[in-house]
Amino acid sequence: MASRHLVWADGSSSRPVSRPNIIFILADDLGYGDLGCYGQKLIRTPNLDNMAAGGMRFTQAYCGTSVCAPSRCSLMTGLHMGHAPIRANRSVPPEGQMPLPPGTFTVPRLLKDAGYDTACIGKWGLGFWGTGGDPNKVGFDHFFGYICQKKAHDYYPDYLWRNGVKVPLDGKTYSHDLLTREALDWIGRPRGNPFFLYLAYTLPHPAYTIPDLGEYSREDWSEQEKIYAAMVTKLDHDVGTLLELLKNKGIHRDTIVFFASDNGPQSSKIFNSTAGLSGGKRGMGEGSLRTPMIVVWPGHVPAGRISDEPWAFWDFLPTCAALAGTRIPADVQVDGVSVLPCLLGGNMPGRKYFYWELHEGPCKQAVRFDHWKALRNKPGHPLSLFDLARDPSEKNNLAAKMPDLAARAEEYMKEARVETPEWPLNGNGMEGSAED
């Protein structure tokens, strides 16, 4: 392992922090309640449960929004949905989704410029080759996987992509296994720099298919429920394999690993995948937006810590800047804050509010400030207001009883967003495929 100079993390305690390797593992459509450490009773996830025991588990972490492409856009750009260039799933020819605009500042660009080796393995969905969202143009040295979200619905594809070149496949190989193999191989390569790996798995997104039901074959469930459970457990197994590789290579103490899901679930209710929270994929409820967030970094992130401090995907970019000891360029806008002080056992930086919107059909909006959450499912409709401290399932609408708080939420919703021709507040918005 190459030597790394020490830097001071902004806002952290007085001890220095080295430039670690950074891995962000993103599951696809995994529910807040689908892991054992978040209360799941039927699906076994021993490796992620052990990861939580060895690190920090956040009970109020949030994704970028409640569907794939815009949520990932937020993660990569540090922008919430009021400023993000992508606010819905929107397919464009010849393959892929609406691309990031040319020159968009991203996490891989930040880290590559700071001397990191960078890779994206898995599902991209933020632009085809040659566009502004080309993975190799936004800062990734290496890419392997699906450039297009819709193609990622097929777990037995005829091809994947490696750095702009089609990799032909036989249509009989489970793609998740190829993604894991590529990730393990890339981590294992000799290098003189720290690395950043964005491992964007496709499990457990539909289509529901898996080579082996394993321990769930004997359950008295529907076939889809058995497959879903097996997909989650396979995801868990391969996260465990990756963490074991870090230990075997002796770099686990030099590596911070994040695990989260891109949005709320689609799964059967028998699993209680939202852990009793309202909503699911494409909604604005807590079950739509909360993500199971686990962070581990032995010797730095306190083991066994459970935090109810809220943070969101758009905090990842400034957190990476703090980890890498670099600065975000002065002309780059970000909405997030570095959560590194909290990860190291200190306080979470304060903020005015969290903001979300989604443009698939009429625009949906939500804002959280302190423990208050307001949402509106259609422009012009009255908003709903909830006290998350007492009512995390959002059953008791307090907007009429607390007009001052409702008015403040209205102001925050106006303040948080920038109107653009692509993402108007009024009108029908951008229609997205229900399968994305």
Protein backbone atom coordinates (compact mmCIF):
# COMPACT_ATOMS: atom_id res chain seq x y z
CA MET A 1 0.00 0.00 0.00
CA ALA A 2 1.45 3.34 -1.01
CA SER A 3 2.07 5.86 1.76
CA ARG A 4 -0.59 8.55 2.12
CA HIS A 5 -0.15 11.96 3.64
CA LEU A 6 -2.48 12.97 6.45
CA VAL A 7 -5.10 15.67 6.05
CA TRP A 8 -7.49 17.36 8.39
CA ALA A 9 -11.17 16.60 7.83
CA ASP A 10 -13.20 19.81 7.87
CA GLY A 11 -15.18 20.08 11.07
CA SER A 12 -13.85 16.83 12.53
CA SER A 13 -12.14 16.26 15.86
CA SER A 14 -8.50 17.17 16.26
CA ARG A 15 -7.09 13.86 15.13
CA PRO A 16 -5.83 13.50 11.54
CA VAL A 17 -7.51 11.26 8.98
CA SER A 18 -5.64 9.47 6.19
CA ARG A 19 -6.86 9.36 2.59
CA PRO A 20 -8.73 6.06 2.52
CA ASN A 21 -9.93 3.94 -0.34
CA ILE A 22 -13.65 4.66 -0.83
CA ILE A 23 -16.23 2.07 -1.86
CA PHE A 24 -19.91 2.89 -2.32
CA ILE A 25 -22.10 -0.20 -2.80
CA LEU A 26 -25.56 0.69 -4.11
CA ALA A 27 -28.39 -1.84 -4.14
CA ASP A 28 -31.30 -1.40 -6.55
CA ASP A 29 -34.86 -1.12 -5.16
CA LEU A 30 -33.84 -2.63 -1.80
CA GLY A 31 -36.28 -1.59 0.91
CA TYR A 32 -35.40 0.18 4.15
CA GLY A 33 -36.65 -2.85 6.06
CA ASP A 34 -35.15 -5.62 3.90
CA LEU A 35 -32.05 -6.19 6.07
CA GLY A 36 -31.93 -8.03 9.35
CA CYS A 37 -30.24 -5.11 11.08
CA TYR A 38 -33.22 -2.95 10.06
CA GLY A 39 -35.77 -5.40 11.46
CA GLN A 40 -36.23 -7.91 8.62
CA LYS A 41 -37.46 -11.27 9.99
CA LEU A 42 -37.76 -13.48 6.91
CA ILE A 43 -34.80 -12.66 4.64
CA ARG A 44 -31.34 -13.59 5.89
CA THR A 45 -28.62 -10.92 5.54
CA PRO A 46 -25.81 -11.99 7.91
CA ASN A 47 -22.98 -10.16 6.15
CA LEU A 48 -24.68 -6.78 6.04
CA ASP A 49 -25.80 -7.29 9.63
CA ASN A 50 -22.17 -7.93 10.58
CA MET A 51 -21.12 -4.87 8.58
CA ALA A 52 -23.56 -2.79 10.64
CA ALA A 53 -22.21 -4.30 13.87
CA GLY A 54 -18.71 -3.30 12.82
CA GLY A 55 -19.62 0.23 11.78
CA MET A 56 -22.42 2.80 11.85
CA ARG A 57 -26.01 2.15 10.90
CA PHE A 58 -28.15 5.18 10.09
CA THR A 59 -31.90 5.06 10.73
CA GLN A 60 -32.73 8.31 8.91
CA ALA A 61 -30.51 8.42 5.84
CA TYR A 62 -32.15 9.42 2.57
CA CYS A 63 -31.69 8.65 -1.11
CA GLY A 64 -31.68 11.35 -3.81
CA THR A 65 -35.31 10.69 -4.74
CA SER A 66 -37.55 7.68 -5.19
CA VAL A 67 -36.50 6.36 -8.60
CA CYS A 68 -33.25 5.19 -10.18
CA ALA A 69 -31.63 7.77 -12.48
CA PRO A 70 -32.32 10.98 -10.54
CA SER A 71 -31.38 9.37 -7.24
CA ARG A 72 -28.03 8.28 -8.73
CA CYS A 73 -27.59 11.73 -10.24
CA SER A 74 -27.86 13.22 -6.75
CA LEU A 75 -25.32 10.73 -5.40
CA MET A 76 -22.81 11.52 -8.13
CA THR A 77 -23.25 15.34 -8.25
CA GLY A 78 -23.91 16.47 -4.67
CA LEU A 79 -27.12 18.16 -5.80
CA HIS A 80 -30.63 17.63 -4.45
CA MET A 81 -33.61 17.43 -6.77
CA GLY A 82 -34.22 21.16 -6.79
CA HIS A 83 -30.94 21.68 -8.67
CA ALA A 84 -30.08 18.29 -10.17
CA PRO A 85 -29.91 18.12 -13.99
CA ILE A 86 -31.81 14.79 -13.99
CA ARG A 87 -35.08 14.58 -12.05
CA ALA A 88 -36.81 11.57 -13.65
CA ASN A 89 -36.09 8.40 -15.59
CA ARG A 90 -36.01 9.40 -19.25
CA SER A 91 -34.80 6.99 -21.93
CA VAL A 92 -33.06 8.37 -25.01
CA PRO A 93 -31.79 6.64 -28.18
CA PRO A 94 -29.72 4.75 -29.11
CA GLU A 95 -29.36 3.30 -25.61
CA GLY A 96 -29.45 4.64 -22.09
CA GLN A 97 -31.03 7.53 -20.25
CA MET A 98 -30.93 11.32 -20.34
CA PRO A 99 -27.23 12.16 -19.91
CA LEU A 100 -25.55 14.42 -17.42
CA PRO A 101 -24.80 17.76 -19.13
CA PRO A 102 -21.24 18.12 -20.45
CA GLY A 103 -18.86 19.31 -17.76
CA THR A 104 -21.03 18.21 -14.81
CA PHE A 105 -18.83 17.97 -11.71
CA THR A 106 -19.04 14.52 -10.15
CA VAL A 107 -17.66 12.40 -7.32
CA PRO A 108 -15.33 10.45 -9.67
CA ARG A 109 -14.03 13.72 -11.17
CA LEU A 110 -13.35 15.09 -7.69
CA LEU A 111 -11.47 11.97 -6.63
CA LYS A 112 -9.63 11.41 -9.91
CA ASP A 113 -8.33 14.97 -9.70
CA ALA A 114 -7.24 14.20 -6.13
CA GLY A 115 -5.12 11.27 -7.31
CA TYR A 116 -7.55 8.38 -6.87
CA ASP A 117 -8.00 5.45 -9.25
CA THR A 118 -11.72 5.33 -10.07
CA ALA A 119 -14.15 2.67 -11.28
CA CYS A 120 -17.87 2.23 -11.81
CA ILE A 121 -19.07 -1.37 -11.98
CA GLY A 122 -22.75 -2.19 -12.41
CA LYS A 123 -25.68 -0.04 -13.53
CA TRP A 124 -25.00 3.51 -14.73
CA GLY A 125 -28.11 5.11 -16.30
CA LEU A 126 -26.73 8.67 -16.53
CA GLY A 127 -25.75 8.81 -20.19
CA PHE A 128 -24.51 6.81 -23.17
CA TRP A 129 -20.98 6.72 -24.56
CA GLY A 130 -19.91 9.99 -26.16
CA THR A 131 -22.45 12.11 -24.24
CA GLY A 132 -21.82 14.37 -21.27
CA GLY A 133 -22.74 11.41 -19.07
CA ASP A 134 -20.22 8.99 -20.59
CA PRO A 135 -18.75 7.27 -17.48
CA ASN A 136 -15.20 7.66 -18.77
CA LYS A 137 -15.81 11.40 -19.36
CA VAL A 138 -17.19 12.12 -15.88
CA GLY A 139 -14.11 10.80 -14.10
CA PHE A 140 -14.20 6.99 -14.09
CA ASP A 141 -10.98 5.35 -15.27
CA HIS A 142 -12.79 2.03 -15.59
CA PHE A 143 -16.37 1.02 -16.33
CA PHE A 144 -17.97 -2.41 -16.61
CA GLY A 145 -21.67 -3.17 -16.64
CA TYR A 146 -24.93 -1.77 -17.96
CA ILE A 147 -24.84 1.69 -19.50
CA CYS A 148 -28.67 1.60 -19.75
CA GLN A 149 -31.11 1.03 -16.90
CA LYS A 150 -33.68 -0.77 -19.03
CA LYS A 151 -31.07 -3.25 -20.23
CA ALA A 152 -30.27 -3.88 -16.56
CA HIS A 153 -33.69 -5.51 -16.14
CA ASP A 154 -32.24 -8.51 -17.99
CA TYR A 155 -30.04 -10.62 -15.71
CA TYR A 156 -28.98 -12.83 -18.64
CA PRO A 157 -27.92 -10.18 -21.17
CA ASP A 158 -26.34 -10.70 -24.58
CA TYR A 159 -23.70 -8.11 -23.75
CA LEU A 160 -22.34 -5.71 -21.17
CA TRP A 161 -20.06 -2.72 -21.67
CA ARG A 162 -16.43 -2.24 -20.71
CA ASN A 163 -15.10 1.29 -21.30
CA GLY A 164 -17.19 1.89 -24.41
CA VAL A 165 -16.64 -1.56 -25.90
CA LYS A 166 -19.38 -4.17 -26.04
CA VAL A 167 -18.50 -7.39 -24.24
CA PRO A 168 -20.49 -10.19 -25.92
CA LEU A 169 -22.09 -12.74 -23.61
CA ASP A 170 -23.88 -16.02 -24.20
CA GLY A 171 -27.19 -14.93 -22.66
CA LYS A 172 -26.87 -17.72 -20.09
CA THR A 173 -24.62 -16.05 -17.51
CA TYR A 174 -26.14 -14.32 -14.48
CA SER A 175 -24.87 -10.76 -14.79
CA HIS A 176 -24.61 -10.09 -11.06
CA ASP A 177 -21.89 -12.73 -10.83
CA LEU A 178 -19.93 -10.95 -13.56
CA LEU A 179 -20.22 -7.63 -11.72
CA THR A 180 -18.92 -9.17 -8.51
CA ARG A 181 -16.05 -10.88 -10.30
CA GLU A 182 -15.08 -7.61 -12.01
CA ALA A 183 -15.21 -5.70 -8.72
CA LEU A 184 -13.04 -8.24 -6.89
CA ASP A 185 -10.56 -8.27 -9.76
CA TRP A 186 -10.36 -4.46 -9.91
CA ILE A 187 -9.87 -4.12 -6.15
CA GLY A 188 -7.13 -6.75 -6.30
CA ARG A 189 -5.03 -5.00 -8.93
CA PRO A 190 -1.62 -3.60 -7.86
CA ARG A 191 -1.75 0.17 -7.57
CA GLY A 192 0.13 3.06 -6.03
CA ASN A 193 -2.91 5.28 -5.43
CA PRO A 194 -5.98 5.12 -3.22
CA PHE A 195 -9.09 4.02 -5.11
CA PHE A 196 -12.77 4.84 -5.43
CA LEU A 197 -15.17 2.07 -6.47
CA TYR A 198 -18.82 2.80 -7.19
CA LEU A 199 -20.35 -0.69 -7.18
CA ALA A 200 -23.91 -0.19 -8.44
CA TYR A 201 -25.45 -3.65 -8.18
CA THR A 202 -28.76 -4.43 -9.92
CA LEU A 203 -30.13 -6.74 -7.22
CA PRO A 204 -32.94 -6.97 -6.17
CA HIS A 205 -34.61 -4.93 -8.97
CA PRO A 206 -37.01 -6.81 -11.28
CA ALA A 207 -37.06 -8.87 -13.41
CA TYR A 208 -37.20 -11.30 -10.52
CA THR A 209 -34.89 -14.12 -11.51
CA ILE A 210 -32.02 -15.99 -9.87
CA PRO A 211 -30.10 -19.18 -10.66
CA ASP A 212 -30.85 -20.84 -7.30
CA LEU A 213 -33.49 -20.20 -4.65
CA GLY A 214 -31.20 -21.75 -2.05
CA GLU A 215 -32.60 -21.82 1.47
CA TYR A 216 -35.88 -20.23 0.33
CA SER A 217 -36.93 -23.07 -1.98
CA ARG A 218 -38.81 -24.72 0.89
CA GLU A 219 -40.71 -21.63 2.01
CA ASP A 220 -44.49 -21.50 1.63
CA TRP A 221 -44.35 -18.24 -0.33
CA SER A 222 -45.14 -17.18 -3.85
CA GLU A 223 -42.42 -17.84 -6.42
CA GLN A 224 -41.73 -14.11 -6.74
CA GLU A 225 -41.31 -13.78 -2.98
CA LYS A 226 -38.87 -16.67 -2.90
CA ILE A 227 -36.87 -15.14 -5.73
CA TYR A 228 -36.83 -11.70 -4.12
CA ALA A 229 -35.55 -13.11 -0.84
CA ALA A 230 -32.89 -15.13 -2.66
CA MET A 231 -31.78 -12.03 -4.58
CA VAL A 232 -31.37 -10.04 -1.37
CA THR A 233 -29.42 -12.87 0.27
CA LYS A 234 -27.20 -13.22 -2.80
CA LEU A 235 -26.51 -9.49 -2.66
CA ASP A 236 -25.63 -9.88 1.00
CA HIS A 237 -23.31 -12.82 0.25
CA ASP A 238 -21.34 -10.88 -2.33
CA VAL A 239 -20.99 -7.83 -0.12
CA GLY A 240 -19.53 -10.23 2.44
CA THR A 241 -17.13 -11.61 -0.17
CA LEU A 242 -15.93 -8.09 -0.99
CA LEU A 243 -15.42 -7.19 2.67
CA GLU A 244 -13.48 -10.43 3.19
CA LEU A 245 -11.23 -9.57 0.25
CA LEU A 246 -10.39 -6.23 1.87
CA LYS A 247 -9.38 -8.07 5.05
CA ASN A 248 -7.35 -10.69 3.18
CA LYS A 249 -5.47 -7.97 1.34
CA GLY A 250 -4.84 -6.13 4.58
CA ILE A 251 -6.53 -2.96 3.36
CA HIS A 252 -9.78 -3.02 5.34
CA ARG A 253 -8.42 -0.41 7.77
CA ASP A 254 -7.48 1.78 4.80
CA THR A 255 -10.92 1.53 3.21
CA ILE A 256 -14.24 3.17 4.06
CA VAL A 257 -17.24 1.26 2.71
CA PHE A 258 -20.73 2.71 2.29
CA PHE A 259 -23.80 0.57 1.60
CA ALA A 260 -27.21 1.94 0.61
CA SER A 261 -30.17 1.50 -1.75
CA ASP A 262 -31.16 3.89 -4.53
CA ASN A 263 -34.85 4.22 -3.61
CA GLY A 264 -37.78 2.55 -1.92
CA PRO A 265 -38.90 -1.01 -2.68
CA GLN A 266 -41.38 -2.76 -4.96
CA SER A 267 -41.41 -6.05 -3.06
CA SER A 268 -44.22 -8.10 -1.53
CA LYS A 269 -45.77 -6.85 1.69
CA ILE A 270 -44.98 -10.12 3.49
CA PHE A 271 -41.44 -8.83 4.00
CA ASN A 272 -42.54 -5.44 5.36
CA SER A 273 -39.86 -3.97 3.14
CA THR A 274 -40.48 -0.39 4.28
CA ALA A 275 -40.41 -1.37 7.98
CA GLY A 276 -43.85 0.17 8.41
CA LEU A 277 -42.97 3.49 6.76
CA SER A 278 -45.35 4.95 4.21
CA GLY A 279 -44.90 4.74 0.45
CA GLY A 280 -42.51 2.87 -1.81
CA LYS A 281 -40.78 3.41 -5.11
CA ARG A 282 -41.93 6.62 -6.92
CA GLY A 283 -43.51 8.12 -3.81
CA MET A 284 -42.53 10.87 -1.37
CA GLY A 285 -43.20 9.01 1.88
CA GLU A 286 -40.47 7.92 4.29
CA GLY A 287 -40.69 4.40 2.87
CA SER A 288 -39.96 5.89 -0.55
CA LEU A 289 -36.99 8.02 0.49
CA ARG A 290 -35.27 6.44 3.49
CA THR A 291 -32.42 4.13 2.63
CA PRO A 292 -30.66 1.47 4.71
CA MET A 293 -27.29 3.23 5.10
CA ILE A 294 -24.34 1.40 6.66
CA VAL A 295 -20.77 2.75 6.85
CA VAL A 296 -17.71 0.84 8.03
CA TRP A 297 -14.08 1.94 8.39
CA PRO A 298 -12.27 -0.02 11.12
CA GLY A 299 -10.39 2.17 13.54
CA HIS A 300 -12.18 5.35 12.42
CA VAL A 301 -15.95 4.84 12.23
CA PRO A 302 -17.17 3.69 15.67
CA ALA A 303 -18.28 0.05 15.67
CA GLY A 304 -21.83 -0.82 16.63
CA ARG A 305 -23.03 2.78 16.52
CA ILE A 306 -26.66 3.45 15.56
CA SER A 307 -27.37 7.03 14.53
CA ASP A 308 -30.70 8.73 13.96
CA GLU A 309 -28.98 11.78 12.44
CA PRO A 310 -30.46 12.49 8.98
CA TRP A 311 -28.29 12.88 5.89
CA ALA A 312 -28.77 12.30 2.17
CA PHE A 313 -27.13 11.19 -1.06
CA TRP A 314 -26.13 14.74 -1.96
CA ASP A 315 -23.85 14.75 1.10
CA PHE A 316 -21.64 12.04 -0.41
CA LEU A 317 -19.64 14.33 -2.71
CA PRO A 318 -18.57 16.80 0.02
CA THR A 319 -17.90 13.86 2.33
CA CYS A 320 -15.56 12.40 -0.31
CA ALA A 321 -13.81 15.76 -0.56
CA ALA A 322 -13.15 15.68 3.18
CA LEU A 323 -11.98 12.06 3.05
CA ALA A 324 -9.60 12.79 0.17
CA GLY A 325 -8.29 15.99 1.71
CA THR A 326 -9.26 18.05 -1.30
CA ARG A 327 -11.49 21.04 -1.95
CA ILE A 328 -14.54 21.35 -4.15
CA PRO A 329 -13.80 23.98 -6.83
CA ALA A 330 -15.21 27.39 -5.97
CA ASP A 331 -17.35 27.52 -9.11
CA VAL A 332 -19.05 24.17 -8.40
CA GLN A 333 -22.43 24.24 -6.67
CA VAL A 334 -23.22 21.49 -4.17
CA ASP A 335 -26.20 21.19 -1.87
CA GLY A 336 -24.69 18.69 0.53
CA VAL A 337 -22.42 18.92 3.56
CA SER A 338 -19.62 16.64 4.67
CA VAL A 339 -20.90 14.11 7.18
CA LEU A 340 -17.38 12.95 8.02
CA PRO A 341 -17.46 14.50 11.51
CA CYS A 342 -20.47 12.32 12.36
CA LEU A 343 -18.86 9.25 10.77
CA LEU A 344 -15.84 9.73 13.01
CA GLY A 345 -18.02 9.82 16.13
CA GLY A 346 -18.67 13.57 16.34
CA ASN A 347 -21.64 15.76 15.55
CA MET A 348 -23.62 15.94 12.34
CA PRO A 349 -23.35 19.37 10.69
CA GLY A 350 -26.60 21.30 10.71
CA ARG A 351 -28.62 22.36 7.69
CA LYS A 352 -31.77 24.26 6.87
CA TYR A 353 -33.73 21.50 5.14
CA PHE A 354 -33.70 18.43 2.88
CA TYR A 355 -35.56 18.64 -0.43
CA TRP A 356 -36.86 16.13 -2.99
CA GLU A 357 -38.97 16.18 -6.12
CA LEU A 358 -39.84 13.72 -8.88
CA HIS A 359 -41.10 14.37 -12.42
CA GLU A 360 -42.83 11.17 -13.48
CA GLY A 361 -46.33 12.33 -14.14
CA PRO A 362 -47.29 15.45 -12.14
CA CYS A 363 -44.38 16.74 -10.10
CA LYS A 364 -44.18 15.44 -6.52
CA GLN A 365 -42.34 17.39 -3.82
CA ALA A 366 -41.18 16.82 -0.24
CA VAL A 367 -39.17 18.82 2.26
CA ARG A 368 -37.85 17.92 5.70
CA PHE A 369 -36.74 20.51 8.27
CA ASP A 370 -35.80 19.44 11.78
CA HIS A 371 -38.29 16.63 12.53
CA TRP A 372 -41.02 18.06 10.31
CA LYS A 373 -41.80 16.61 6.88
CA ALA A 374 -44.10 18.15 4.28
CA LEU A 375 -45.08 16.60 0.97
CA ARG A 376 -47.26 17.33 -2.01
CA ASN A 377 -48.15 14.71 -4.61
CA LYS A 378 -49.39 17.14 -7.29
CA PRO A 379 -48.83 20.85 -8.02
CA GLY A 380 -51.62 23.03 -6.67
CA HIS A 381 -52.79 20.45 -4.14
CA PRO A 382 -52.62 21.20 -0.41
CA LEU A 383 -49.49 19.88 1.22
CA SER A 384 -49.45 17.38 4.06
CA LEU A 385 -47.37 17.97 7.19
CA PHE A 386 -46.07 15.30 9.56
CA ASP A 387 -44.11 15.19 12.79
CA LEU A 388 -41.55 12.44 12.10
CA ALA A 389 -40.46 12.34 15.73
CA ARG A 390 -43.89 11.13 16.80
CA ASP A 391 -45.31 9.87 13.51
CA PRO A 392 -42.60 8.37 11.28
CA SER A 393 -45.25 6.44 9.32
CA GLU A 394 -46.86 9.76 8.31
CA LYS A 395 -50.42 8.93 9.31
CA ASN A 396 -51.46 12.17 11.05
CA ASN A 397 -51.55 15.20 8.75
CA LEU A 398 -50.97 18.31 10.87
CA ALA A 399 -51.05 20.95 8.12
CA ALA A 400 -54.40 22.41 9.20
CA LYS A 401 -53.43 22.46 12.89
CA MET A 402 -50.01 24.04 12.31
CA PRO A 403 -50.41 26.60 9.52
CA ASP A 404 -47.18 28.43 10.40
CA LEU A 405 -45.11 25.28 9.87
CA ALA A 406 -47.04 24.48 6.70
CA ALA A 407 -46.31 27.98 5.41
CA ARG A 408 -42.61 27.55 6.21
CA ALA A 409 -42.59 24.28 4.27
CA GLU A 410 -44.18 26.07 1.31
CA GLU A 411 -41.42 28.68 1.37
CA TYR A 412 -38.71 26.02 1.54
CA MET A 413 -40.22 24.19 -1.44
CA LYS A 414 -40.10 27.41 -3.46
CA GLU A 415 -36.60 28.32 -2.30
CA ALA A 416 -35.09 24.89 -2.89
CA ARG A 417 -35.80 24.46 -6.57
CA VAL A 418 -34.73 26.03 -9.84
CA GLU A 419 -37.31 25.94 -12.63
CA THR A 420 -35.97 24.61 -15.93
CA PRO A 421 -37.63 23.82 -19.28
CA GLU A 422 -36.91 20.13 -18.72
CA TRP A 423 -38.35 20.06 -15.21
CA PRO A 424 -41.26 22.51 -14.85
CA LEU A 425 -43.17 22.45 -11.60
CA ASN A 426 -46.53 22.62 -13.35
CA GLY A 427 -47.75 20.52 -16.25
CA ASN A 428 -47.41 16.80 -16.72
CA GLY A 429 -43.68 16.59 -16.14
CA MET A 430 -41.55 13.88 -17.69
CA GLU A 431 -43.21 10.52 -18.06
CA GLY A 432 -40.96 7.62 -17.05
CA SER A 433 -41.30 3.90 -17.60
CA ALA A 434 -42.75 2.07 -14.62
CA GLU A 435 -40.11 -0.57 -15.19
CA ASP A 436 -37.08 1.72 -14.78
